[in-house]
Amino acid sequence: MLSKLLILAIILAVVTYTVLLSSLAGTYLPGKGSLSLDVFMLSLAVVSFFTSFLAIKQTWYDVSTAYTDRELIIGRLERILAFFALGLNIVNIILVFAYILIVAI
């Protein structure tokens, strides 16, 4: 079973990605000067990024303390998912910069 932190990291990454893409695509363009939405987007991206780092750290620990082959395989699969969340968060950071340059300014 996936850890709660890994599930949270993936959900936060996907939600941030969806909101940023919809904002940049024009389907949800807020008015310029909406400081609360800008701060919310930045804080959501930062929280999502650090949650994925914590998920990677946790999966690394789970693999190193695995006793059986099943735990080892599950830990490695969770590590792959955690790196996927981290990769999506790197894309999110690029989208945050685009959001700041296009929408916020």
PDB file of N, CA and C in Angstrom:
ATOM      1  N   MET A   1       0.839  -1.179   0.000  1.00  0.00           N
ATOM      2  CA  MET A   1       0.000   0.000   0.000  1.00  0.00           C
ATOM      3  C   MET A   1       0.884   1.243   0.000  1.00  0.00           C
ATOM      4  N   LEU A   2       0.475   2.224  -0.758  1.00  0.00           N
ATOM      5  CA  LEU A   2       1.250   3.457  -0.841  1.00  0.00           C
ATOM      6  C   LEU A   2       1.159   4.244   0.460  1.00  0.00           C
ATOM      7  N   SER A   3       2.241   4.914   0.778  1.00  0.00           N
ATOM      8  CA  SER A   3       2.243   5.720   1.996  1.00  0.00           C
ATOM      9  C   SER A   3       1.388   6.972   1.795  1.00  0.00           C
ATOM     10  N   LYS A   4       0.898   7.496   2.897  1.00  0.00           N
ATOM     11  CA  LYS A   4       0.030   8.679   2.829  1.00  0.00           C
ATOM     12  C   LYS A   4       0.785   9.895   2.317  1.00  0.00           C
ATOM     13  N   LEU A   5       2.062   9.998   2.667  1.00  0.00           N
ATOM     14  CA  LEU A   5       2.858  11.134   2.211  1.00  0.00           C
ATOM     15  C   LEU A   5       3.057  11.098   0.700  1.00  0.00           C
ATOM     16  N   LEU A   6       3.272   9.902   0.149  1.00  0.00           N
ATOM     17  CA  LEU A   6       3.446   9.776  -1.297  1.00  0.00           C
ATOM     18  C   LEU A   6       2.150  10.102  -2.029  1.00  0.00           C
ATOM     19  N   ILE A   7       1.036   9.638  -1.503  1.00  0.00           N
ATOM     20  CA  ILE A   7      -0.257   9.960  -2.117  1.00  0.00           C
ATOM     21  C   ILE A   7      -0.509  11.463  -2.071  1.00  0.00           C
ATOM     22  N   LEU A   8      -0.197  12.090  -0.934  1.00  0.00           N
ATOM     23  CA  LEU A   8      -0.356  13.538  -0.811  1.00  0.00           C
ATOM     24  C   LEU A   8       0.549  14.280  -1.786  1.00  0.00           C
ATOM     25  N   ALA A   9       1.786  13.802  -1.958  1.00  0.00           N
ATOM     26  CA  ALA A   9       2.714  14.455  -2.889  1.00  0.00           C
ATOM     27  C   ALA A   9       2.202  14.385  -4.320  1.00  0.00           C
ATOM     28  N   ILE A  10       1.682  13.236  -4.711  1.00  0.00           N
ATOM     29  CA  ILE A  10       1.174  13.083  -6.076  1.00  0.00           C
ATOM     30  C   ILE A  10      -0.079  13.939  -6.281  1.00  0.00           C
ATOM     31  N   ILE A  11      -0.981  13.942  -5.312  1.00  0.00           N
ATOM     32  CA  ILE A  11      -2.209  14.739  -5.439  1.00  0.00           C
ATOM     33  C   ILE A  11      -1.888  16.230  -5.508  1.00  0.00           C
ATOM     34  N   LEU A  12      -0.994  16.706  -4.643  1.00  0.00           N
ATOM     35  CA  LEU A  12      -0.624  18.127  -4.676  1.00  0.00           C
ATOM     36  C   LEU A  12       0.043  18.503  -5.996  1.00  0.00           C
ATOM     37  N   ALA A  13       0.900  17.620  -6.513  1.00  0.00           N
ATOM     38  CA  ALA A  13       1.573  17.911  -7.778  1.00  0.00           C
ATOM     39  C   ALA A  13       0.570  18.001  -8.924  1.00  0.00           C
ATOM     40  N   VAL A  14      -0.375  17.077  -8.966  1.00  0.00           N
ATOM     41  CA  VAL A  14      -1.362  17.072 -10.052  1.00  0.00           C
ATOM     42  C   VAL A  14      -2.313  18.265  -9.935  1.00  0.00           C
ATOM     43  N   VAL A  15      -2.736  18.599  -8.718  1.00  0.00           N
ATOM     44  CA  VAL A  15      -3.631  19.751  -8.536  1.00  0.00           C
ATOM     45  C   VAL A  15      -2.926  21.043  -8.934  1.00  0.00           C
ATOM     46  N   THR A  16      -1.675  21.201  -8.502  1.00  0.00           N
ATOM     47  CA  THR A  16      -0.916  22.399  -8.871  1.00  0.00           C
ATOM     48  C   THR A  16      -0.741  22.481 -10.379  1.00  0.00           C
ATOM     49  N   TYR A  17      -0.418  21.358 -10.995  1.00  0.00           N
ATOM     50  CA  TYR A  17      -0.236  21.304 -12.444  1.00  0.00           C
ATOM     51  C   TYR A  17      -1.528  21.683 -13.165  1.00  0.00           C
ATOM     52  N   THR A  18      -2.648  21.158 -12.707  1.00  0.00           N
ATOM     53  CA  THR A  18      -3.935  21.437 -13.349  1.00  0.00           C
ATOM     54  C   THR A  18      -4.324  22.904 -13.219  1.00  0.00           C
ATOM     55  N   VAL A  19      -4.171  23.460 -12.026  1.00  0.00           N
ATOM     56  CA  VAL A  19      -4.548  24.862 -11.821  1.00  0.00           C
ATOM     57  C   VAL A  19      -3.640  25.790 -12.623  1.00  0.00           C
ATOM     58  N   LEU A  20      -2.344  25.497 -12.631  1.00  0.00           N
ATOM     59  CA  LEU A  20      -1.423  26.348 -13.388  1.00  0.00           C
ATOM     60  C   LEU A  20      -1.681  26.270 -14.883  1.00  0.00           C
ATOM     61  N   LEU A  21      -1.914  25.062 -15.395  1.00  0.00           N
ATOM     62  CA  LEU A  21      -2.184  24.941 -16.832  1.00  0.00           C
ATOM     63  C   LEU A  21      -3.494  25.611 -17.212  1.00  0.00           C
ATOM     64  N   SER A  22      -4.518  25.468 -16.379  1.00  0.00           N
ATOM     65  CA  SER A  22      -5.785  26.114 -16.713  1.00  0.00           C
ATOM     66  C   SER A  22      -5.665  27.632 -16.632  1.00  0.00           C
ATOM     67  N   SER A  23      -4.836  28.130 -15.725  1.00  0.00           N
ATOM     68  CA  SER A  23      -4.632  29.580 -15.647  1.00  0.00           C
ATOM     69  C   SER A  23      -3.874  30.093 -16.858  1.00  0.00           C
ATOM     70  N   LEU A  24      -2.876  29.332 -17.287  1.00  0.00           N
ATOM     71  CA  LEU A  24      -2.082  29.774 -18.435  1.00  0.00           C
ATOM     72  C   LEU A  24      -2.812  29.568 -19.752  1.00  0.00           C
ATOM     73  N   ALA A  25      -3.739  28.601 -19.806  1.00  0.00           N
ATOM     74  CA  ALA A  25      -4.468  28.346 -21.045  1.00  0.00           C
ATOM     75  C   ALA A  25      -5.596  29.343 -21.268  1.00  0.00           C
ATOM     76  N   GLY A  26      -5.950  30.091 -20.238  1.00  0.00           N
ATOM     77  CA  GLY A  26      -6.986  31.094 -20.404  1.00  0.00           C
ATOM     78  C   GLY A  26      -8.357  30.648 -19.966  1.00  0.00           C
ATOM     79  N   THR A  27      -8.497  29.401 -19.537  1.00  0.00           N
ATOM     80  CA  THR A  27      -9.811  28.949 -19.079  1.00  0.00           C
ATOM     81  C   THR A  27     -10.131  29.473 -17.697  1.00  0.00           C
ATOM     82  N   TYR A  28      -9.097  29.860 -16.951  1.00  0.00           N
ATOM     83  CA  TYR A  28      -9.313  30.411 -15.613  1.00  0.00           C
ATOM     84  C   TYR A  28      -8.310  31.524 -15.399  1.00  0.00           C
ATOM     85  N   LEU A  29      -8.473  32.595 -16.148  1.00  0.00           N
ATOM     86  CA  LEU A  29      -7.561  33.728 -15.986  1.00  0.00           C
ATOM     87  C   LEU A  29      -8.129  34.703 -14.971  1.00  0.00           C
ATOM     88  N   PRO A  30      -7.485  34.854 -13.850  1.00  0.00           N
ATOM     89  CA  PRO A  30      -7.967  35.832 -12.877  1.00  0.00           C
ATOM     90  C   PRO A  30      -7.601  37.236 -13.317  1.00  0.00           C
ATOM     91  N   GLY A  31      -8.209  38.189 -12.692  1.00  0.00           N
ATOM     92  CA  GLY A  31      -7.862  39.573 -12.982  1.00  0.00           C
ATOM     93  C   GLY A  31      -6.455  39.888 -12.513  1.00  0.00           C
ATOM     94  N   LYS A  32      -5.811  40.794 -13.213  1.00  0.00           N
ATOM     95  CA  LYS A  32      -4.457  41.168 -12.798  1.00  0.00           C
ATOM     96  C   LYS A  32      -4.513  41.885 -11.461  1.00  0.00           C
ATOM     97  N   GLY A  33      -3.498  41.661 -10.674  1.00  0.00           N
ATOM     98  CA  GLY A  33      -3.428  42.296  -9.373  1.00  0.00           C
ATOM     99  C   GLY A  33      -4.119  41.511  -8.272  1.00  0.00           C
ATOM    100  N   SER A  34      -4.478  40.261  -8.550  1.00  0.00           N
ATOM    101  CA  SER A  34      -5.089  39.411  -7.529  1.00  0.00           C
ATOM    102  C   SER A  34      -3.975  38.802  -6.678  1.00  0.00           C
ATOM    103  N   LEU A  35      -3.556  39.533  -5.667  1.00  0.00           N
ATOM    104  CA  LEU A  35      -2.412  39.127  -4.857  1.00  0.00           C
ATOM    105  C   LEU A  35      -2.682  37.851  -4.078  1.00  0.00           C
ATOM    106  N   SER A  36      -3.891  37.666  -3.602  1.00  0.00           N
ATOM    107  CA  SER A  36      -4.186  36.467  -2.812  1.00  0.00           C
ATOM    108  C   SER A  36      -4.065  35.206  -3.657  1.00  0.00           C
ATOM    109  N   LEU A  37      -4.506  35.255  -4.919  1.00  0.00           N
ATOM    110  CA  LEU A  37      -4.376  34.095  -5.789  1.00  0.00           C
ATOM    111  C   LEU A  37      -2.917  33.849  -6.151  1.00  0.00           C
ATOM    112  N   ASP A  38      -2.152  34.910  -6.352  1.00  0.00           N
ATOM    113  CA  ASP A  38      -0.728  34.756  -6.655  1.00  0.00           C
ATOM    114  C   ASP A  38       0.016  34.109  -5.493  1.00  0.00           C
ATOM    115  N   VAL A  39      -0.273  34.558  -4.288  1.00  0.00           N
ATOM    116  CA  VAL A  39       0.372  33.982  -3.101  1.00  0.00           C
ATOM    117  C   VAL A  39      -0.071  32.537  -2.914  1.00  0.00           C
ATOM    118  N   PHE A  40      -1.343  32.261  -3.174  1.00  0.00           N
ATOM    119  CA  PHE A  40      -1.842  30.894  -3.065  1.00  0.00           C
ATOM    120  C   PHE A  40      -1.134  29.968  -4.046  1.00  0.00           C
ATOM    121  N   MET A  41      -0.955  30.412  -5.285  1.00  0.00           N
ATOM    122  CA  MET A  41      -0.292  29.576  -6.288  1.00  0.00           C
ATOM    123  C   MET A  41       1.160  29.314  -5.910  1.00  0.00           C
ATOM    124  N   LEU A  42       1.855  30.337  -5.445  1.00  0.00           N
ATOM    125  CA  LEU A  42       3.248  30.151  -5.040  1.00  0.00           C
ATOM    126  C   LEU A  42       3.357  29.225  -3.838  1.00  0.00           C
ATOM    127  N   SER A  43       2.493  29.409  -2.859  1.00  0.00           N
ATOM    128  CA  SER A  43       2.566  28.554  -1.673  1.00  0.00           C
ATOM    129  C   SER A  43       2.179  27.118  -1.999  1.00  0.00           C
ATOM    130  N   LEU A  44       1.202  26.920  -2.875  1.00  0.00           N
ATOM    131  CA  LEU A  44       0.821  25.571  -3.280  1.00  0.00           C
ATOM    132  C   LEU A  44       1.964  24.871  -4.008  1.00  0.00           C
ATOM    133  N   ALA A  45       2.659  25.589  -4.874  1.00  0.00           N
ATOM    134  CA  ALA A  45       3.790  24.998  -5.588  1.00  0.00           C
ATOM    135  C   ALA A  45       4.932  24.654  -4.638  1.00  0.00           C
ATOM    136  N   VAL A  46       5.216  25.523  -3.684  1.00  0.00           N
ATOM    137  CA  VAL A  46       6.308  25.262  -2.735  1.00  0.00           C
ATOM    138  C   VAL A  46       5.974  24.082  -1.825  1.00  0.00           C
ATOM    139  N   VAL A  47       4.749  24.041  -1.310  1.00  0.00           N
ATOM    140  CA  VAL A  47       4.343  22.927  -0.448  1.00  0.00           C
ATOM    141  C   VAL A  47       4.377  21.613  -1.219  1.00  0.00           C
ATOM    142  N   SER A  48       3.907  21.628  -2.443  1.00  0.00           N
ATOM    143  CA  SER A  48       3.921  20.429  -3.275  1.00  0.00           C
ATOM    144  C   SER A  48       5.343  19.952  -3.539  1.00  0.00           C
ATOM    145  N   PHE A  49       6.246  20.892  -3.808  1.00  0.00           N
ATOM    146  CA  PHE A  49       7.636  20.539  -4.094  1.00  0.00           C
ATOM    147  C   PHE A  49       8.302  19.893  -2.883  1.00  0.00           C
ATOM    148  N   PHE A  50       8.132  20.484  -1.708  1.00  0.00           N
ATOM    149  CA  PHE A  50       8.773  19.931  -0.517  1.00  0.00           C
ATOM    150  C   PHE A  50       8.107  18.638  -0.047  1.00  0.00           C
ATOM    151  N   THR A  51       6.823  18.476  -0.309  1.00  0.00           N
ATOM    152  CA  THR A  51       6.160  17.218   0.019  1.00  0.00           C
ATOM    153  C   THR A  51       6.717  16.081  -0.822  1.00  0.00           C
ATOM    154  N   SER A  52       7.016  16.352  -2.089  1.00  0.00           N
ATOM    155  CA  SER A  52       7.598  15.296  -2.919  1.00  0.00           C
ATOM    156  C   SER A  52       9.014  14.964  -2.471  1.00  0.00           C
ATOM    157  N   PHE A  53       9.775  15.962  -2.001  1.00  0.00           N
ATOM    158  CA  PHE A  53      11.097  15.669  -1.445  1.00  0.00           C
ATOM    159  C   PHE A  53      10.989  14.775  -0.212  1.00  0.00           C
ATOM    160  N   LEU A  54      10.031  15.066   0.662  1.00  0.00           N
ATOM    161  CA  LEU A  54       9.840  14.224   1.846  1.00  0.00           C
ATOM    162  C   LEU A  54       9.405  12.811   1.467  1.00  0.00           C
ATOM    163  N   ALA A  55       8.587  12.688   0.423  1.00  0.00           N
ATOM    164  CA  ALA A  55       8.162  11.363  -0.028  1.00  0.00           C
ATOM    165  C   ALA A  55       9.344  10.568  -0.563  1.00  0.00           C
ATOM    166  N   ILE A  56      10.255  11.231  -1.279  1.00  0.00           N
ATOM    167  CA  ILE A  56      11.447  10.538  -1.772  1.00  0.00           C
ATOM    168  C   ILE A  56      12.308  10.081  -0.603  1.00  0.00           C
ATOM    169  N   LYS A  57      12.468  10.935   0.384  1.00  0.00           N
ATOM    170  CA  LYS A  57      13.266  10.569   1.559  1.00  0.00           C
ATOM    171  C   LYS A  57      12.641   9.382   2.285  1.00  0.00           C
ATOM    172  N   GLN A  58      11.331   9.385   2.417  1.00  0.00           N
ATOM    173  CA  GLN A  58      10.657   8.287   3.094  1.00  0.00           C
ATOM    174  C   GLN A  58      10.787   6.983   2.313  1.00  0.00           C
ATOM    175  N   THR A  59      10.617   7.035   0.990  1.00  0.00           N
ATOM    176  CA  THR A  59      10.737   5.805   0.204  1.00  0.00           C
ATOM    177  C   THR A  59      12.169   5.287   0.209  1.00  0.00           C
ATOM    178  N   TRP A  60      13.141   6.184   0.257  1.00  0.00           N
ATOM    179  CA  TRP A  60      14.537   5.756   0.339  1.00  0.00           C
ATOM    180  C   TRP A  60      14.764   4.986   1.638  1.00  0.00           C
ATOM    181  N   TYR A  61      14.188   5.501   2.722  1.00  0.00           N
ATOM    182  CA  TYR A  61      14.307   4.826   4.020  1.00  0.00           C
ATOM    183  C   TYR A  61      13.581   3.486   3.997  1.00  0.00           C
ATOM    184  N   ASP A  62      12.402   3.435   3.375  1.00  0.00           N
ATOM    185  CA  ASP A  62      11.641   2.188   3.315  1.00  0.00           C
ATOM    186  C   ASP A  62      12.394   1.107   2.562  1.00  0.00           C
ATOM    187  N   VAL A  63      13.072   1.472   1.485  1.00  0.00           N
ATOM    188  CA  VAL A  63      13.830   0.486   0.713  1.00  0.00           C
ATOM    189  C   VAL A  63      15.044   0.010   1.504  1.00  0.00           C
ATOM    190  N   SER A  64      15.695   0.917   2.206  1.00  0.00           N
ATOM    191  CA  SER A  64      16.903   0.519   2.933  1.00  0.00           C
ATOM    192  C   SER A  64      16.589  -0.320   4.167  1.00  0.00           C
ATOM    193  N   THR A  65      15.364  -0.256   4.674  1.00  0.00           N
ATOM    194  CA  THR A  65      14.997  -1.059   5.844  1.00  0.00           C
ATOM    195  C   THR A  65      14.090  -2.229   5.488  1.00  0.00           C
ATOM    196  N   ALA A  66      13.956  -2.554   4.217  1.00  0.00           N
ATOM    197  CA  ALA A  66      13.082  -3.654   3.797  1.00  0.00           C
ATOM    198  C   ALA A  66      13.693  -4.995   4.198  1.00  0.00           C
ATOM    199  N   TYR A  67      12.838  -5.890   4.698  1.00  0.00           N
ATOM    200  CA  TYR A  67      13.297  -7.213   5.115  1.00  0.00           C
ATOM    201  C   TYR A  67      13.024  -8.276   4.065  1.00  0.00           C
ATOM    202  N   THR A  68      11.906  -8.176   3.394  1.00  0.00           N
ATOM    203  CA  THR A  68      11.545  -9.196   2.418  1.00  0.00           C
ATOM    204  C   THR A  68      11.671  -8.629   1.006  1.00  0.00           C
ATOM    205  N   ASP A  69      11.639  -9.541   0.052  1.00  0.00           N
ATOM    206  CA  ASP A  69      11.703  -9.117  -1.351  1.00  0.00           C
ATOM    207  C   ASP A  69      10.466  -8.314  -1.747  1.00  0.00           C
ATOM    208  N   ARG A  70       9.327  -8.682  -1.179  1.00  0.00           N
ATOM    209  CA  ARG A  70       8.091  -7.956  -1.491  1.00  0.00           C
ATOM    210  C   ARG A  70       8.191  -6.502  -1.031  1.00  0.00           C
ATOM    211  N   GLU A  71       8.689  -6.278   0.172  1.00  0.00           N
ATOM    212  CA  GLU A  71       8.862  -4.911   0.672  1.00  0.00           C
ATOM    213  C   GLU A  71       9.855  -4.138  -0.181  1.00  0.00           C
ATOM    214  N   LEU A  72      10.884  -4.820  -0.653  1.00  0.00           N
ATOM    215  CA  LEU A  72      11.890  -4.171  -1.494  1.00  0.00           C
ATOM    216  C   LEU A  72      11.293  -3.730  -2.827  1.00  0.00           C
ATOM    217  N   ILE A  73      10.496  -4.609  -3.435  1.00  0.00           N
ATOM    218  CA  ILE A  73       9.881  -4.280  -4.726  1.00  0.00           C
ATOM    219  C   ILE A  73       8.869  -3.146  -4.563  1.00  0.00           C
ATOM    220  N   ILE A  74       8.044  -3.224  -3.530  1.00  0.00           N
ATOM    221  CA  ILE A  74       7.056  -2.165  -3.292  1.00  0.00           C
ATOM    222  C   ILE A  74       7.755  -0.843  -3.000  1.00  0.00           C
ATOM    223  N   GLY A  75       8.835  -0.877  -2.222  1.00  0.00           N
ATOM    224  CA  GLY A  75       9.583   0.341  -1.924  1.00  0.00           C
ATOM    225  C   GLY A  75      10.196   0.964  -3.160  1.00  0.00           C
ATOM    226  N   ARG A  76      10.702   0.122  -4.050  1.00  0.00           N
ATOM    227  CA  ARG A  76      11.280   0.664  -5.288  1.00  0.00           C
ATOM    228  C   ARG A  76      10.210   1.255  -6.195  1.00  0.00           C
ATOM    229  N   LEU A  77       9.044   0.623  -6.253  1.00  0.00           N
ATOM    230  CA  LEU A  77       7.949   1.192  -7.047  1.00  0.00           C
ATOM    231  C   LEU A  77       7.479   2.518  -6.462  1.00  0.00           C
ATOM    232  N   GLU A  78       7.424   2.588  -5.127  1.00  0.00           N
ATOM    233  CA  GLU A  78       7.056   3.856  -4.496  1.00  0.00           C
ATOM    234  C   GLU A  78       8.107   4.924  -4.765  1.00  0.00           C
ATOM    235  N   ARG A  79       9.364   4.524  -4.820  1.00  0.00           N
ATOM    236  CA  ARG A  79      10.429   5.491  -5.118  1.00  0.00           C
ATOM    237  C   ARG A  79      10.280   6.026  -6.538  1.00  0.00           C
ATOM    238  N   ILE A  80       9.914   5.162  -7.481  1.00  0.00           N
ATOM    239  CA  ILE A  80       9.689   5.608  -8.859  1.00  0.00           C
ATOM    240  C   ILE A  80       8.538   6.615  -8.902  1.00  0.00           C
ATOM    241  N   LEU A  81       7.456   6.321  -8.173  1.00  0.00           N
ATOM    242  CA  LEU A  81       6.330   7.259  -8.123  1.00  0.00           C
ATOM    243  C   LEU A  81       6.720   8.577  -7.467  1.00  0.00           C
ATOM    244  N   ALA A  82       7.567   8.510  -6.446  1.00  0.00           N
ATOM    245  CA  ALA A  82       8.010   9.742  -5.785  1.00  0.00           C
ATOM    246  C   ALA A  82       8.859  10.588  -6.730  1.00  0.00           C
ATOM    247  N   PHE A  83       9.713   9.955  -7.525  1.00  0.00           N
ATOM    248  CA  PHE A  83      10.496  10.715  -8.495  1.00  0.00           C
ATOM    249  C   PHE A  83       9.613  11.272  -9.607  1.00  0.00           C
ATOM    250  N   PHE A  84       8.529  10.557  -9.951  1.00  0.00           N
ATOM    251  CA  PHE A  84       7.565  11.101 -10.902  1.00  0.00           C
ATOM    252  C   PHE A  84       6.926  12.372 -10.345  1.00  0.00           C
ATOM    253  N   ALA A  85       6.555  12.338  -9.067  1.00  0.00           N
ATOM    254  CA  ALA A  85       5.974  13.531  -8.436  1.00  0.00           C
ATOM    255  C   ALA A  85       6.980  14.672  -8.413  1.00  0.00           C
ATOM    256  N   LEU A  86       8.252  14.356  -8.168  1.00  0.00           N
ATOM    257  CA  LEU A  86       9.281  15.396  -8.173  1.00  0.00           C
ATOM    258  C   LEU A  86       9.456  15.984  -9.573  1.00  0.00           C
ATOM    259  N   GLY A  87       9.446  15.135 -10.597  1.00  0.00           N
ATOM    260  CA  GLY A  87       9.546  15.627 -11.973  1.00  0.00           C
ATOM    261  C   GLY A  87       8.373  16.520 -12.339  1.00  0.00           C
ATOM    262  N   LEU A  88       7.181  16.127 -11.902  1.00  0.00           N
ATOM    263  CA  LEU A  88       6.008  16.961 -12.157  1.00  0.00           C
ATOM    264  C   LEU A  88       6.107  18.283 -11.410  1.00  0.00           C
ATOM    265  N   ASN A  89       6.715  18.272 -10.237  1.00  0.00           N
ATOM    266  CA  ASN A  89       6.898  19.512  -9.490  1.00  0.00           C
ATOM    267  C   ASN A  89       7.936  20.417 -10.132  1.00  0.00           C
ATOM    268  N   ILE A  90       8.929  19.856 -10.788  1.00  0.00           N
ATOM    269  CA  ILE A  90       9.886  20.683 -11.533  1.00  0.00           C
ATOM    270  C   ILE A  90       9.167  21.380 -12.685  1.00  0.00           C
ATOM    271  N   VAL A  91       8.285  20.653 -13.354  1.00  0.00           N
ATOM    272  CA  VAL A  91       7.462  21.276 -14.400  1.00  0.00           C
ATOM    273  C   VAL A  91       6.569  22.351 -13.785  1.00  0.00           C
ATOM    274  N   ASN A  92       6.046  22.090 -12.591  1.00  0.00           N
ATOM    275  CA  ASN A  92       5.207  23.081 -11.907  1.00  0.00           C
ATOM    276  C   ASN A  92       5.973  24.354 -11.597  1.00  0.00           C
ATOM    277  N   ILE A  93       7.226  24.234 -11.211  1.00  0.00           N
ATOM    278  CA  ILE A  93       8.021  25.433 -10.919  1.00  0.00           C
ATOM    279  C   ILE A  93       8.218  26.258 -12.185  1.00  0.00           C
ATOM    280  N   ILE A  94       8.448  25.600 -13.307  1.00  0.00           N
ATOM    281  CA  ILE A  94       8.562  26.318 -14.579  1.00  0.00           C
ATOM    282  C   ILE A  94       7.238  27.011 -14.898  1.00  0.00           C
ATOM    283  N   LEU A  95       6.121  26.316 -14.657  1.00  0.00           N
ATOM    284  CA  LEU A  95       4.811  26.917 -14.903  1.00  0.00           C
ATOM    285  C   LEU A  95       4.515  28.061 -13.939  1.00  0.00           C
ATOM    286  N   VAL A  96       5.026  27.985 -12.717  1.00  0.00           N
ATOM    287  CA  VAL A  96       4.838  29.089 -11.770  1.00  0.00           C
ATOM    288  C   VAL A  96       5.548  30.334 -12.274  1.00  0.00           C
ATOM    289  N   PHE A  97       6.776  30.167 -12.793  1.00  0.00           N
ATOM    290  CA  PHE A  97       7.476  31.320 -13.352  1.00  0.00           C
ATOM    291  C   PHE A  97       6.708  31.891 -14.542  1.00  0.00           C
ATOM    292  N   ALA A  98       6.171  31.020 -15.398  1.00  0.00           N
ATOM    293  CA  ALA A  98       5.367  31.501 -16.522  1.00  0.00           C
ATOM    294  C   ALA A  98       4.097  32.183 -16.024  1.00  0.00           C
ATOM    295  N   TYR A  99       3.490  31.636 -14.985  1.00  0.00           N
ATOM    296  CA  TYR A  99       2.285  32.238 -14.398  1.00  0.00           C
ATOM    297  C   TYR A  99       2.589  33.629 -13.857  1.00  0.00           C
ATOM    298  N   ILE A 100       3.709  33.761 -13.178  1.00  0.00           N
ATOM    299  CA  ILE A 100       4.080  35.067 -12.625  1.00  0.00           C
ATOM    300  C   ILE A 100       4.328  36.068 -13.743  1.00  0.00           C
ATOM    301  N   LEU A 101       5.013  35.637 -14.789  1.00  0.00           N
ATOM    302  CA  LEU A 101       5.340  36.558 -15.876  1.00  0.00           C
ATOM    303  C   LEU A 101       4.128  36.919 -16.731  1.00  0.00           C
ATOM    304  N   ILE A 102       3.218  35.967 -16.944  1.00  0.00           N
ATOM    305  CA  ILE A 102       2.097  36.215 -17.850  1.00  0.00           C
ATOM    306  C   ILE A 102       0.880  36.768 -17.117  1.00  0.00           C
ATOM    307  N   VAL A 103       0.490  36.134 -16.032  1.00  0.00           N
ATOM    308  CA  VAL A 103      -0.772  36.477 -15.382  1.00  0.00           C
ATOM    309  C   VAL A 103      -0.586  37.528 -14.296  1.00  0.00           C
ATOM    310  N   ALA A 104       0.402  37.351 -13.447  1.00  0.00           N
ATOM    311  CA  ALA A 104       0.518  38.203 -12.264  1.00  0.00           C
ATOM    312  C   ALA A 104       1.045  39.596 -12.581  1.00  0.00           C
ATOM    313  N   ILE A 105       1.865  39.725 -13.595  1.00  0.00           N
ATOM    314  CA  ILE A 105       2.464  41.036 -13.891  1.00  0.00           C
ATOM    315  C   ILE A 105       1.626  41.778 -14.906  1.00  0.00           C
TER     316      ILE A 105
END
